[in-house]
Amino acid sequence: MTTVAIIDYGMGNLRSVAKAMEHVAPEHRVEITADPARVLAADRVVFPGQGAMPDCMRELDLRGLRPAVLDAAATKPFLGICIGLQMLFEHSDEGDVPGLGVFAGKVTRFRDEDMCATDGARLKVPHMGWNEVWQRRPHPLWEGIPDGERFYFVHSYYVLSADAQAVAAETVHGIRFTSAVERANIFSVQFHPEKSAQAGLRLLSNFTRWEP
């Protein structure tokens, strides 16, 4: 039986991710775990989370999970969600902390001066709610999901990828920002697929069948 490990480093409600994954892949064993050995043993890994970057990095290290996350990101189908995307980058302006360095680039905050819609209306930070996701190229995780489909976001920071080839999707909130990245066995998104209705469930289902 295929095992999907959802990494628990104490940041965020992971139950909704697990329930969504169980819904789309009832034939898989889905487990929330803080045990590095279980992460290393899993067939697929989901790296979600929410909260402040300094807290997330600290808790990841306190639980001894950094090596297991890096191993999973290098060796098996790996899905990052929200701050699980941001932690894969080299540095975050939030708390001025280093990330895991899996992707080149940094995490920065939406600037107030950029928060203006095309009609002149002021936009809010955090960026919260449904927004369109524009795919940069075909990918197995986009299968069955129309370009421009709407997904659910909650974030004040976004990633600036130093590698344009890693950008898998973009979204507009005052500025055009990276909302998904991919490389080899890694696919990582800024939005919350577990909160994004049928489109989000389709992405999770695609992940459970993806053979990079």
N, C-alpha and C. Protein backbone atom coordinates (compact mmCIF):
# COMPACT_ATOMS: atom_id res chain seq x y z
N MET A 1 0.84 -1.21 0.00
CA MET A 1 0.00 0.00 0.00
C MET A 1 0.88 1.25 0.00
N THR A 2 0.55 2.20 -0.85
CA THR A 2 1.28 3.46 -0.91
C THR A 2 1.02 4.28 0.34
N THR A 3 2.08 4.83 0.92
CA THR A 3 1.97 5.68 2.10
C THR A 3 2.25 7.13 1.73
N VAL A 4 1.35 8.01 2.15
CA VAL A 4 1.53 9.46 1.98
C VAL A 4 1.75 10.05 3.36
N ALA A 5 2.92 10.61 3.59
CA ALA A 5 3.24 11.24 4.88
C ALA A 5 2.98 12.74 4.80
N ILE A 6 2.23 13.25 5.74
CA ILE A 6 1.99 14.68 5.87
C ILE A 6 2.84 15.15 7.07
N ILE A 7 3.81 16.00 6.78
CA ILE A 7 4.80 16.35 7.80
C ILE A 7 4.20 17.30 8.84
N ASP A 8 4.31 16.90 10.09
CA ASP A 8 3.80 17.69 11.22
C ASP A 8 4.97 18.26 12.00
N TYR A 9 5.18 19.58 11.85
CA TYR A 9 6.21 20.24 12.65
C TYR A 9 5.58 21.26 13.59
N GLY A 10 4.30 21.02 13.90
CA GLY A 10 3.61 21.82 14.92
C GLY A 10 3.04 23.12 14.45
N MET A 11 3.00 23.36 13.13
CA MET A 11 2.53 24.63 12.61
C MET A 11 1.37 24.40 11.64
N GLY A 12 0.18 24.72 12.08
CA GLY A 12 -0.97 24.67 11.18
C GLY A 12 -1.87 23.48 11.44
N ASN A 13 -3.08 23.59 10.93
CA ASN A 13 -4.07 22.52 11.05
C ASN A 13 -3.88 21.56 9.88
N LEU A 14 -3.34 20.40 10.17
CA LEU A 14 -3.03 19.43 9.12
C LEU A 14 -4.19 18.49 8.83
N ARG A 15 -5.20 18.51 9.69
CA ARG A 15 -6.30 17.55 9.53
C ARG A 15 -7.04 17.76 8.23
N SER A 16 -7.21 19.02 7.81
CA SER A 16 -7.94 19.26 6.57
C SER A 16 -7.16 18.74 5.37
N VAL A 17 -5.83 18.83 5.41
CA VAL A 17 -5.01 18.28 4.34
C VAL A 17 -5.15 16.76 4.31
N ALA A 18 -5.09 16.13 5.48
CA ALA A 18 -5.20 14.68 5.55
C ALA A 18 -6.57 14.21 5.06
N LYS A 19 -7.63 14.90 5.48
CA LYS A 19 -8.98 14.50 5.07
C LYS A 19 -9.16 14.62 3.57
N ALA A 20 -8.64 15.69 2.99
CA ALA A 20 -8.74 15.87 1.54
C ALA A 20 -7.96 14.77 0.81
N MET A 21 -6.78 14.43 1.32
CA MET A 21 -5.98 13.39 0.70
C MET A 21 -6.65 12.03 0.82
N GLU A 22 -7.23 11.75 1.97
CA GLU A 22 -7.96 10.49 2.15
C GLU A 22 -9.16 10.40 1.21
N HIS A 23 -9.79 11.54 0.96
CA HIS A 23 -10.95 11.58 0.09
C HIS A 23 -10.58 11.22 -1.35
N VAL A 24 -9.46 11.75 -1.83
CA VAL A 24 -9.10 11.54 -3.24
C VAL A 24 -8.33 10.23 -3.44
N ALA A 25 -7.78 9.66 -2.38
CA ALA A 25 -6.97 8.44 -2.51
C ALA A 25 -7.28 7.47 -1.38
N PRO A 26 -8.49 6.95 -1.32
CA PRO A 26 -8.86 6.04 -0.22
C PRO A 26 -8.03 4.76 -0.20
N GLU A 27 -7.39 4.45 -1.32
CA GLU A 27 -6.58 3.23 -1.38
C GLU A 27 -5.18 3.44 -0.79
N HIS A 28 -4.81 4.67 -0.47
CA HIS A 28 -3.50 4.98 0.11
C HIS A 28 -3.61 5.06 1.63
N ARG A 29 -2.49 4.84 2.29
CA ARG A 29 -2.40 5.10 3.73
C ARG A 29 -1.90 6.53 3.91
N VAL A 30 -2.72 7.38 4.52
CA VAL A 30 -2.36 8.78 4.75
C VAL A 30 -2.08 8.96 6.23
N GLU A 31 -0.89 9.44 6.57
CA GLU A 31 -0.56 9.61 7.98
C GLU A 31 0.09 10.97 8.24
N ILE A 32 -0.38 11.62 9.29
CA ILE A 32 0.26 12.84 9.78
C ILE A 32 1.36 12.41 10.73
N THR A 33 2.59 12.86 10.49
CA THR A 33 3.69 12.37 11.31
C THR A 33 4.74 13.44 11.59
N ALA A 34 5.27 13.39 12.80
CA ALA A 34 6.42 14.21 13.19
C ALA A 34 7.67 13.36 13.33
N ASP A 35 7.59 12.10 12.90
CA ASP A 35 8.68 11.15 13.03
C ASP A 35 9.52 11.15 11.76
N PRO A 36 10.78 11.61 11.83
CA PRO A 36 11.61 11.62 10.63
C PRO A 36 11.70 10.26 9.94
N ALA A 37 11.71 9.18 10.72
CA ALA A 37 11.79 7.84 10.13
C ALA A 37 10.57 7.52 9.28
N ARG A 38 9.40 7.99 9.71
CA ARG A 38 8.19 7.74 8.95
C ARG A 38 8.19 8.56 7.65
N VAL A 39 8.74 9.75 7.73
CA VAL A 39 8.86 10.57 6.51
C VAL A 39 9.79 9.88 5.52
N LEU A 40 10.91 9.39 6.01
CA LEU A 40 11.88 8.72 5.14
C LEU A 40 11.31 7.44 4.54
N ALA A 41 10.41 6.77 5.26
CA ALA A 41 9.84 5.51 4.79
C ALA A 41 8.66 5.70 3.85
N ALA A 42 8.08 6.90 3.81
CA ALA A 42 6.87 7.13 3.02
C ALA A 42 7.18 7.09 1.52
N ASP A 43 6.14 6.79 0.74
CA ASP A 43 6.27 6.78 -0.72
C ASP A 43 6.11 8.18 -1.30
N ARG A 44 5.26 8.98 -0.67
CA ARG A 44 5.00 10.36 -1.10
C ARG A 44 4.96 11.24 0.13
N VAL A 45 5.33 12.50 -0.04
CA VAL A 45 5.41 13.41 1.11
C VAL A 45 4.70 14.72 0.80
N VAL A 46 3.90 15.18 1.76
CA VAL A 46 3.24 16.48 1.68
C VAL A 46 3.82 17.35 2.80
N PHE A 47 4.21 18.57 2.44
CA PHE A 47 4.88 19.49 3.37
C PHE A 47 4.04 20.76 3.47
N PRO A 48 3.01 20.76 4.33
CA PRO A 48 2.14 21.93 4.47
C PRO A 48 2.58 22.81 5.63
N GLY A 49 1.74 23.76 5.99
CA GLY A 49 2.03 24.60 7.15
C GLY A 49 1.47 25.99 7.01
N GLN A 50 1.38 26.66 8.14
CA GLN A 50 0.97 28.06 8.17
C GLN A 50 1.58 28.69 9.40
N GLY A 51 1.71 30.02 9.37
CA GLY A 51 2.34 30.72 10.48
C GLY A 51 3.52 31.53 9.99
N ALA A 52 4.33 31.99 10.93
CA ALA A 52 5.48 32.84 10.62
C ALA A 52 6.69 31.99 10.28
N MET A 53 7.44 32.43 9.29
CA MET A 53 8.60 31.67 8.82
C MET A 53 9.61 31.36 9.93
N PRO A 54 10.00 32.32 10.79
CA PRO A 54 10.97 31.98 11.84
C PRO A 54 10.47 30.86 12.75
N ASP A 55 9.19 30.90 13.10
CA ASP A 55 8.63 29.85 13.97
C ASP A 55 8.65 28.50 13.27
N CYS A 56 8.29 28.50 11.98
CA CYS A 56 8.25 27.24 11.23
C CYS A 56 9.63 26.61 11.12
N MET A 57 10.63 27.41 10.78
CA MET A 57 11.98 26.86 10.67
C MET A 57 12.50 26.36 12.01
N ARG A 58 12.21 27.11 13.07
CA ARG A 58 12.65 26.69 14.40
C ARG A 58 12.01 25.36 14.80
N GLU A 59 10.70 25.25 14.60
CA GLU A 59 10.01 24.03 14.99
C GLU A 59 10.44 22.83 14.15
N LEU A 60 10.72 23.06 12.88
CA LEU A 60 11.20 21.99 12.01
C LEU A 60 12.50 21.41 12.57
N ASP A 61 13.41 22.30 12.98
CA ASP A 61 14.69 21.84 13.51
C ASP A 61 14.57 21.24 14.89
N LEU A 62 13.70 21.79 15.72
CA LEU A 62 13.52 21.23 17.06
C LEU A 62 13.05 19.78 17.01
N ARG A 63 12.27 19.44 15.98
CA ARG A 63 11.76 18.08 15.82
C ARG A 63 12.71 17.19 15.02
N GLY A 64 13.84 17.74 14.62
CA GLY A 64 14.80 16.95 13.87
C GLY A 64 14.34 16.53 12.50
N LEU A 65 13.46 17.34 11.90
CA LEU A 65 12.85 16.96 10.63
C LEU A 65 13.57 17.49 9.40
N ARG A 66 14.49 18.42 9.57
CA ARG A 66 15.15 19.02 8.41
C ARG A 66 15.78 17.96 7.48
N PRO A 67 16.61 17.03 7.99
CA PRO A 67 17.21 16.05 7.08
C PRO A 67 16.18 15.21 6.34
N ALA A 68 15.09 14.84 7.00
CA ALA A 68 14.06 14.02 6.37
C ALA A 68 13.34 14.80 5.27
N VAL A 69 13.09 16.08 5.51
CA VAL A 69 12.45 16.92 4.49
C VAL A 69 13.35 17.06 3.28
N LEU A 70 14.62 17.32 3.52
CA LEU A 70 15.57 17.48 2.41
C LEU A 70 15.72 16.18 1.62
N ASP A 71 15.73 15.05 2.33
CA ASP A 71 15.82 13.76 1.66
C ASP A 71 14.58 13.52 0.79
N ALA A 72 13.40 13.80 1.34
CA ALA A 72 12.17 13.60 0.59
C ALA A 72 12.12 14.51 -0.63
N ALA A 73 12.56 15.75 -0.47
CA ALA A 73 12.55 16.70 -1.59
C ALA A 73 13.50 16.28 -2.70
N ALA A 74 14.46 15.43 -2.37
CA ALA A 74 15.44 14.98 -3.35
C ALA A 74 15.10 13.64 -3.98
N THR A 75 14.19 12.88 -3.35
CA THR A 75 14.08 11.47 -3.75
C THR A 75 12.68 10.97 -4.07
N LYS A 76 11.62 11.68 -3.71
CA LYS A 76 10.28 11.11 -3.89
C LYS A 76 9.27 12.19 -4.24
N PRO A 77 8.10 11.81 -4.75
CA PRO A 77 7.08 12.82 -5.05
C PRO A 77 6.80 13.68 -3.81
N PHE A 78 6.93 14.99 -3.99
CA PHE A 78 6.94 15.92 -2.86
C PHE A 78 6.04 17.11 -3.20
N LEU A 79 5.07 17.37 -2.33
CA LEU A 79 4.13 18.47 -2.53
C LEU A 79 4.23 19.45 -1.37
N GLY A 80 4.64 20.68 -1.65
CA GLY A 80 4.67 21.74 -0.65
C GLY A 80 3.41 22.59 -0.75
N ILE A 81 2.89 23.03 0.40
CA ILE A 81 1.67 23.83 0.44
C ILE A 81 1.89 25.05 1.32
N CYS A 82 1.58 26.24 0.80
CA CYS A 82 1.62 27.51 1.52
C CYS A 82 3.03 27.78 2.05
N ILE A 83 3.20 27.81 3.37
CA ILE A 83 4.55 28.09 3.87
C ILE A 83 5.49 26.91 3.60
N GLY A 84 4.91 25.74 3.28
CA GLY A 84 5.72 24.62 2.83
C GLY A 84 6.37 24.90 1.49
N LEU A 85 5.82 25.81 0.71
CA LEU A 85 6.49 26.33 -0.49
C LEU A 85 7.60 27.30 -0.08
N GLN A 86 7.27 28.26 0.77
CA GLN A 86 8.21 29.31 1.12
C GLN A 86 9.46 28.77 1.81
N MET A 87 9.30 27.74 2.63
CA MET A 87 10.43 27.19 3.37
C MET A 87 11.44 26.51 2.45
N LEU A 88 11.06 26.18 1.23
CA LEU A 88 11.97 25.53 0.29
C LEU A 88 12.99 26.50 -0.30
N PHE A 89 12.77 27.81 -0.12
CA PHE A 89 13.66 28.80 -0.72
C PHE A 89 14.81 29.16 0.22
N GLU A 90 15.73 29.97 -0.30
CA GLU A 90 16.98 30.22 0.41
C GLU A 90 16.85 31.14 1.62
N HIS A 91 15.96 32.11 1.54
CA HIS A 91 15.90 33.13 2.59
C HIS A 91 14.52 33.76 2.61
N SER A 92 14.09 34.19 3.80
CA SER A 92 12.82 34.90 3.93
C SER A 92 13.04 36.25 4.61
N ASP A 93 12.41 37.28 4.04
CA ASP A 93 12.43 38.59 4.69
C ASP A 93 11.61 38.58 5.98
N GLU A 94 10.73 37.62 6.13
CA GLU A 94 9.95 37.51 7.36
C GLU A 94 10.86 36.98 8.47
N GLY A 95 11.30 37.86 9.33
CA GLY A 95 12.20 37.47 10.40
C GLY A 95 13.65 37.35 9.97
N ASP A 96 13.94 37.64 8.69
CA ASP A 96 15.31 37.60 8.18
C ASP A 96 15.96 36.25 8.50
N VAL A 97 15.31 35.15 8.05
CA VAL A 97 15.80 33.82 8.37
C VAL A 97 16.11 33.03 7.10
N PRO A 98 17.11 32.14 7.16
CA PRO A 98 17.38 31.26 6.03
C PRO A 98 16.33 30.16 5.94
N GLY A 99 16.05 29.75 4.70
CA GLY A 99 15.16 28.62 4.48
C GLY A 99 15.98 27.37 4.20
N LEU A 100 15.34 26.40 3.54
CA LEU A 100 15.99 25.11 3.29
C LEU A 100 16.90 25.12 2.06
N GLY A 101 16.73 26.11 1.19
CA GLY A 101 17.63 26.25 0.06
C GLY A 101 17.45 25.22 -1.04
N VAL A 102 16.29 24.60 -1.11
CA VAL A 102 16.02 23.64 -2.19
C VAL A 102 15.87 24.37 -3.52
N PHE A 103 15.24 25.55 -3.48
CA PHE A 103 15.10 26.40 -4.66
C PHE A 103 15.88 27.69 -4.44
N ALA A 104 16.44 28.21 -5.52
CA ALA A 104 17.14 29.49 -5.45
C ALA A 104 16.13 30.64 -5.46
N GLY A 105 16.31 31.59 -4.56
CA GLY A 105 15.42 32.73 -4.48
C GLY A 105 15.06 33.04 -3.04
N LYS A 106 14.16 34.00 -2.87
CA LYS A 106 13.81 34.42 -1.52
C LYS A 106 12.30 34.65 -1.38
N VAL A 107 11.90 34.88 -0.14
CA VAL A 107 10.51 35.15 0.21
C VAL A 107 10.42 36.59 0.66
N THR A 108 9.46 37.33 0.13
CA THR A 108 9.33 38.75 0.46
C THR A 108 7.86 39.11 0.66
N ARG A 109 7.62 40.26 1.28
CA ARG A 109 6.26 40.68 1.61
C ARG A 109 5.65 41.52 0.49
N PHE A 110 4.34 41.39 0.31
CA PHE A 110 3.66 42.31 -0.59
C PHE A 110 3.86 43.74 -0.09
N ARG A 111 4.23 44.64 -1.00
CA ARG A 111 4.46 46.04 -0.64
C ARG A 111 3.15 46.81 -0.72
N ASP A 112 2.91 47.67 0.26
CA ASP A 112 1.67 48.45 0.30
C ASP A 112 1.49 49.27 -0.98
N GLU A 113 2.59 49.79 -1.52
CA GLU A 113 2.48 50.65 -2.70
C GLU A 113 2.07 49.87 -3.96
N ASP A 114 2.19 48.55 -3.91
CA ASP A 114 1.77 47.72 -5.06
C ASP A 114 0.33 47.25 -4.95
N MET A 115 -0.30 47.50 -3.82
CA MET A 115 -1.61 46.93 -3.57
C MET A 115 -2.73 47.78 -4.15
N CYS A 116 -2.79 47.81 -5.48
CA CYS A 116 -3.80 48.59 -6.20
C CYS A 116 -4.34 47.74 -7.35
N ALA A 117 -5.65 47.56 -7.39
CA ALA A 117 -6.28 46.79 -8.46
C ALA A 117 -6.33 47.61 -9.74
N THR A 118 -6.66 46.96 -10.85
CA THR A 118 -6.70 47.66 -12.14
C THR A 118 -7.76 48.76 -12.15
N ASP A 119 -8.79 48.64 -11.32
CA ASP A 119 -9.82 49.68 -11.26
C ASP A 119 -9.50 50.77 -10.24
N GLY A 120 -8.31 50.69 -9.63
CA GLY A 120 -7.90 51.70 -8.66
C GLY A 120 -8.22 51.36 -7.22
N ALA A 121 -8.97 50.30 -6.99
CA ALA A 121 -9.34 49.92 -5.63
C ALA A 121 -8.12 49.43 -4.86
N ARG A 122 -8.09 49.70 -3.57
CA ARG A 122 -6.99 49.24 -2.74
C ARG A 122 -7.16 47.76 -2.42
N LEU A 123 -6.09 47.02 -2.50
CA LEU A 123 -6.09 45.60 -2.17
C LEU A 123 -5.53 45.40 -0.78
N LYS A 124 -5.95 44.31 -0.15
CA LYS A 124 -5.56 44.06 1.23
C LYS A 124 -4.40 43.06 1.32
N VAL A 125 -3.64 43.19 2.37
CA VAL A 125 -2.64 42.21 2.78
C VAL A 125 -2.98 41.82 4.21
N PRO A 126 -3.18 40.53 4.51
CA PRO A 126 -2.87 39.36 3.69
C PRO A 126 -3.75 39.27 2.42
N HIS A 127 -3.18 38.64 1.42
CA HIS A 127 -3.94 38.21 0.25
C HIS A 127 -4.76 37.01 0.69
N MET A 128 -6.06 37.21 0.82
CA MET A 128 -6.92 36.18 1.39
C MET A 128 -8.16 36.00 0.53
N GLY A 129 -8.39 34.76 0.11
CA GLY A 129 -9.58 34.45 -0.67
C GLY A 129 -9.23 33.76 -1.98
N TRP A 130 -10.19 33.72 -2.88
CA TRP A 130 -10.05 33.01 -4.14
C TRP A 130 -9.39 33.89 -5.20
N ASN A 131 -8.49 33.29 -5.96
CA ASN A 131 -7.83 34.04 -7.02
C ASN A 131 -7.42 33.08 -8.14
N GLU A 132 -7.22 33.64 -9.31
CA GLU A 132 -6.89 32.84 -10.48
C GLU A 132 -5.43 32.41 -10.46
N VAL A 133 -5.20 31.20 -10.93
CA VAL A 133 -3.85 30.65 -11.04
C VAL A 133 -3.58 30.37 -12.51
N TRP A 134 -2.57 31.04 -13.05
CA TRP A 134 -2.24 30.95 -14.47
C TRP A 134 -1.04 30.05 -14.66
N GLN A 135 -1.24 28.94 -15.31
CA GLN A 135 -0.22 27.92 -15.49
C GLN A 135 0.82 28.37 -16.51
N ARG A 136 2.09 28.16 -16.19
CA ARG A 136 3.16 28.56 -17.10
C ARG A 136 3.43 27.51 -18.18
N ARG A 137 3.16 26.25 -17.86
CA ARG A 137 3.40 25.18 -18.82
C ARG A 137 2.61 23.95 -18.36
N PRO A 138 2.40 22.98 -19.24
CA PRO A 138 1.72 21.75 -18.83
C PRO A 138 2.53 21.00 -17.76
N HIS A 139 1.82 20.34 -16.87
CA HIS A 139 2.44 19.53 -15.83
C HIS A 139 1.42 18.48 -15.40
N PRO A 140 1.84 17.29 -15.02
CA PRO A 140 0.88 16.27 -14.59
C PRO A 140 -0.05 16.72 -13.47
N LEU A 141 0.39 17.62 -12.59
CA LEU A 141 -0.49 18.06 -11.51
C LEU A 141 -1.55 19.05 -11.97
N TRP A 142 -1.38 19.61 -13.18
CA TRP A 142 -2.42 20.48 -13.75
C TRP A 142 -3.45 19.70 -14.56
N GLU A 143 -3.27 18.40 -14.71
CA GLU A 143 -4.17 17.61 -15.55
C GLU A 143 -5.62 17.78 -15.09
N GLY A 144 -6.49 18.13 -16.03
CA GLY A 144 -7.91 18.29 -15.73
C GLY A 144 -8.26 19.60 -15.04
N ILE A 145 -7.29 20.49 -14.86
CA ILE A 145 -7.53 21.78 -14.20
C ILE A 145 -7.36 22.89 -15.25
N PRO A 146 -8.41 23.64 -15.56
CA PRO A 146 -8.30 24.68 -16.59
C PRO A 146 -7.31 25.77 -16.18
N ASP A 147 -6.62 26.32 -17.16
CA ASP A 147 -5.76 27.47 -16.91
C ASP A 147 -6.62 28.63 -16.42
N GLY A 148 -6.16 29.32 -15.40
CA GLY A 148 -6.95 30.41 -14.83
C GLY A 148 -7.95 29.96 -13.78
N GLU A 149 -7.93 28.69 -13.41
CA GLU A 149 -8.82 28.20 -12.36
C GLU A 149 -8.53 28.95 -11.05
N ARG A 150 -9.55 29.06 -10.21
CA ARG A 150 -9.40 29.80 -8.97
C ARG A 150 -9.11 28.85 -7.81
N PHE A 151 -8.14 29.27 -6.98
CA PHE A 151 -7.77 28.52 -5.79
C PHE A 151 -7.79 29.48 -4.59
N TYR A 152 -7.75 28.90 -3.40
CA TYR A 152 -7.88 29.69 -2.17
C TYR A 152 -6.50 30.01 -1.57
N PHE A 153 -6.27 31.30 -1.31
CA PHE A 153 -4.99 31.80 -0.78
C PHE A 153 -5.19 32.44 0.60
N VAL A 154 -4.16 32.33 1.44
CA VAL A 154 -4.04 33.12 2.68
C VAL A 154 -2.55 33.33 2.92
N HIS A 155 -2.03 34.55 2.58
CA HIS A 155 -0.60 34.80 2.79
C HIS A 155 -0.30 36.30 2.64
N SER A 156 0.76 36.71 3.31
CA SER A 156 1.27 38.08 3.22
C SER A 156 2.62 38.14 2.51
N TYR A 157 3.26 36.98 2.37
CA TYR A 157 4.57 36.88 1.73
C TYR A 157 4.46 35.98 0.51
N TYR A 158 5.36 36.18 -0.45
CA TYR A 158 5.37 35.37 -1.66
C TYR A 158 6.82 35.11 -2.06
N VAL A 159 7.02 34.13 -2.94
CA VAL A 159 8.38 33.77 -3.32
C VAL A 159 8.81 34.52 -4.59
N LEU A 160 10.07 34.89 -4.60
CA LEU A 160 10.75 35.44 -5.78
C LEU A 160 11.76 34.38 -6.23
N SER A 161 11.41 33.62 -7.25
CA SER A 161 12.28 32.55 -7.71
C SER A 161 13.42 33.12 -8.54
N ALA A 162 14.65 32.68 -8.24
CA ALA A 162 15.80 33.10 -9.03
C ALA A 162 15.92 32.28 -10.31
N ASP A 163 15.12 31.24 -10.42
CA ASP A 163 15.12 30.36 -11.59
C ASP A 163 13.77 30.44 -12.28
N ALA A 164 13.72 31.14 -13.40
CA ALA A 164 12.44 31.31 -14.12
C ALA A 164 11.87 29.98 -14.57
N GLN A 165 12.74 28.99 -14.83
CA GLN A 165 12.27 27.69 -15.30
C GLN A 165 11.54 26.91 -14.21
N ALA A 166 11.74 27.31 -12.94
CA ALA A 166 11.07 26.62 -11.84
C ALA A 166 9.63 27.11 -11.63
N VAL A 167 9.28 28.25 -12.21
CA VAL A 167 7.95 28.83 -11.98
C VAL A 167 6.91 28.02 -12.76
N ALA A 168 5.96 27.45 -12.03
CA ALA A 168 4.92 26.62 -12.64
C ALA A 168 3.60 27.36 -12.81
N ALA A 169 3.40 28.45 -12.05
CA ALA A 169 2.16 29.21 -12.16
C ALA A 169 2.36 30.59 -11.55
N GLU A 170 1.51 31.52 -11.99
CA GLU A 170 1.53 32.88 -11.46
C GLU A 170 0.10 33.33 -11.15
N THR A 171 0.01 34.29 -10.26
CA THR A 171 -1.27 34.87 -9.83
C THR A 171 -1.07 36.37 -9.69
N VAL A 172 -2.13 37.12 -9.88
CA VAL A 172 -2.04 38.58 -9.78
C VAL A 172 -2.77 39.05 -8.53
N HIS A 173 -2.03 39.75 -7.67
CA HIS A 173 -2.61 40.46 -6.53
C HIS A 173 -1.83 41.77 -6.40
N GLY A 174 -2.25 42.77 -7.13
CA GLY A 174 -1.49 44.01 -7.24
C GLY A 174 -0.32 43.84 -8.19
N ILE A 175 0.47 42.83 -7.96
CA ILE A 175 1.58 42.44 -8.84
C ILE A 175 1.35 41.00 -9.29
N ARG A 176 2.09 40.60 -10.31
CA ARG A 176 2.09 39.20 -10.72
C ARG A 176 3.15 38.48 -9.90
N PHE A 177 2.75 37.45 -9.16
CA PHE A 177 3.70 36.74 -8.30
C PHE A 177 3.64 35.24 -8.58
N THR A 178 4.68 34.55 -8.17
CA THR A 178 4.77 33.10 -8.35
C THR A 178 3.85 32.40 -7.36
N SER A 179 2.94 31.59 -7.88
CA SER A 179 2.01 30.86 -7.01
C SER A 179 2.23 29.35 -7.04
N ALA A 180 3.17 28.88 -7.87
CA ALA A 180 3.57 27.46 -7.85
C ALA A 180 4.95 27.33 -8.48
N VAL A 181 5.72 26.39 -7.95
CA VAL A 181 7.01 26.06 -8.54
C VAL A 181 7.10 24.55 -8.72
N GLU A 182 7.97 24.13 -9.63
CA GLU A 182 8.17 22.70 -9.84
C GLU A 182 9.56 22.43 -10.37
N ARG A 183 10.06 21.26 -10.02
CA ARG A 183 11.33 20.78 -10.55
C ARG A 183 11.42 19.30 -10.24
N ALA A 184 11.64 18.50 -11.27
CA ALA A 184 11.83 17.06 -11.09
C ALA A 184 10.68 16.46 -10.28
N ASN A 185 10.95 16.01 -9.06
CA ASN A 185 9.95 15.33 -8.23
C ASN A 185 9.21 16.28 -7.28
N ILE A 186 9.45 17.58 -7.38
CA ILE A 186 8.85 18.55 -6.45
C ILE A 186 7.81 19.38 -7.17
N PHE A 187 6.65 19.54 -6.53
CA PHE A 187 5.64 20.50 -6.96
C PHE A 187 5.17 21.21 -5.70
N SER A 188 5.15 22.53 -5.73
CA SER A 188 4.85 23.27 -4.51
C SER A 188 4.00 24.50 -4.84
N VAL A 189 2.99 24.75 -4.02
CA VAL A 189 1.99 25.78 -4.32
C VAL A 189 1.81 26.74 -3.14
N GLN A 190 1.53 28.01 -3.46
CA GLN A 190 1.27 29.01 -2.43
C GLN A 190 -0.15 28.91 -1.90
N PHE A 191 -1.06 28.47 -2.72
CA PHE A 191 -2.47 28.36 -2.33
C PHE A 191 -2.72 27.07 -1.53
N HIS A 192 -3.95 26.93 -1.06
CA HIS A 192 -4.34 25.77 -0.27
C HIS A 192 -5.25 24.86 -1.09
N PRO A 193 -4.72 23.80 -1.71
CA PRO A 193 -5.59 22.92 -2.49
C PRO A 193 -6.67 22.25 -1.63
N GLU A 194 -6.35 21.99 -0.36
CA GLU A 194 -7.32 21.33 0.52
C GLU A 194 -8.51 22.23 0.84
N LYS A 195 -8.41 23.52 0.53
CA LYS A 195 -9.52 24.46 0.76
C LYS A 195 -10.08 25.00 -0.55
N SER A 196 -9.70 24.37 -1.67
CA SER A 196 -10.01 24.93 -2.99
C SER A 196 -11.01 24.11 -3.79
N ALA A 197 -11.95 23.49 -3.09
CA ALA A 197 -13.07 22.79 -3.73
C ALA A 197 -12.57 21.77 -4.75
N GLN A 198 -13.31 21.61 -5.85
CA GLN A 198 -13.01 20.52 -6.78
C GLN A 198 -11.65 20.67 -7.46
N ALA A 199 -11.25 21.89 -7.77
CA ALA A 199 -9.94 22.09 -8.42
C ALA A 199 -8.82 21.65 -7.49
N GLY A 200 -8.94 21.98 -6.21
CA GLY A 200 -7.93 21.58 -5.26
C GLY A 200 -7.88 20.08 -5.06
N LEU A 201 -9.06 19.45 -5.00
CA LEU A 201 -9.09 18.00 -4.88
C LEU A 201 -8.49 17.33 -6.10
N ARG A 202 -8.72 17.92 -7.28
CA ARG A 202 -8.14 17.34 -8.49
C ARG A 202 -6.61 17.42 -8.44
N LEU A 203 -6.07 18.53 -7.97
CA LEU A 203 -4.62 18.65 -7.87
C LEU A 203 -4.06 17.61 -6.90
N LEU A 204 -4.72 17.42 -5.76
CA LEU A 204 -4.27 16.42 -4.80
C LEU A 204 -4.37 15.01 -5.38
N SER A 205 -5.44 14.75 -6.09
CA SER A 205 -5.60 13.45 -6.75
C SER A 205 -4.49 13.22 -7.77
N ASN A 206 -4.19 14.25 -8.55
CA ASN A 206 -3.10 14.15 -9.52
C ASN A 206 -1.78 13.82 -8.82
N PHE A 207 -1.57 14.46 -7.66
CA PHE A 207 -0.33 14.21 -6.92
C PHE A 207 -0.22 12.74 -6.50
N THR A 208 -1.32 12.14 -6.08
CA THR A 208 -1.26 10.75 -5.61
C THR A 208 -0.96 9.78 -6.73
N ARG A 209 -1.16 10.20 -7.98
CA ARG A 209 -0.91 9.34 -9.15
C ARG A 209 0.35 9.74 -9.92
N TRP A 210 0.98 10.81 -9.53
CA TRP A 210 2.12 11.36 -10.26
C TRP A 210 3.36 10.48 -10.09
N GLU A 211 3.99 10.15 -11.21
CA GLU A 211 5.23 9.38 -11.20
C GLU A 211 6.33 10.19 -11.88
N PRO A 212 6.98 11.09 -11.13
CA PRO A 212 8.01 11.94 -11.73
C PRO A 212 9.25 11.14 -12.13
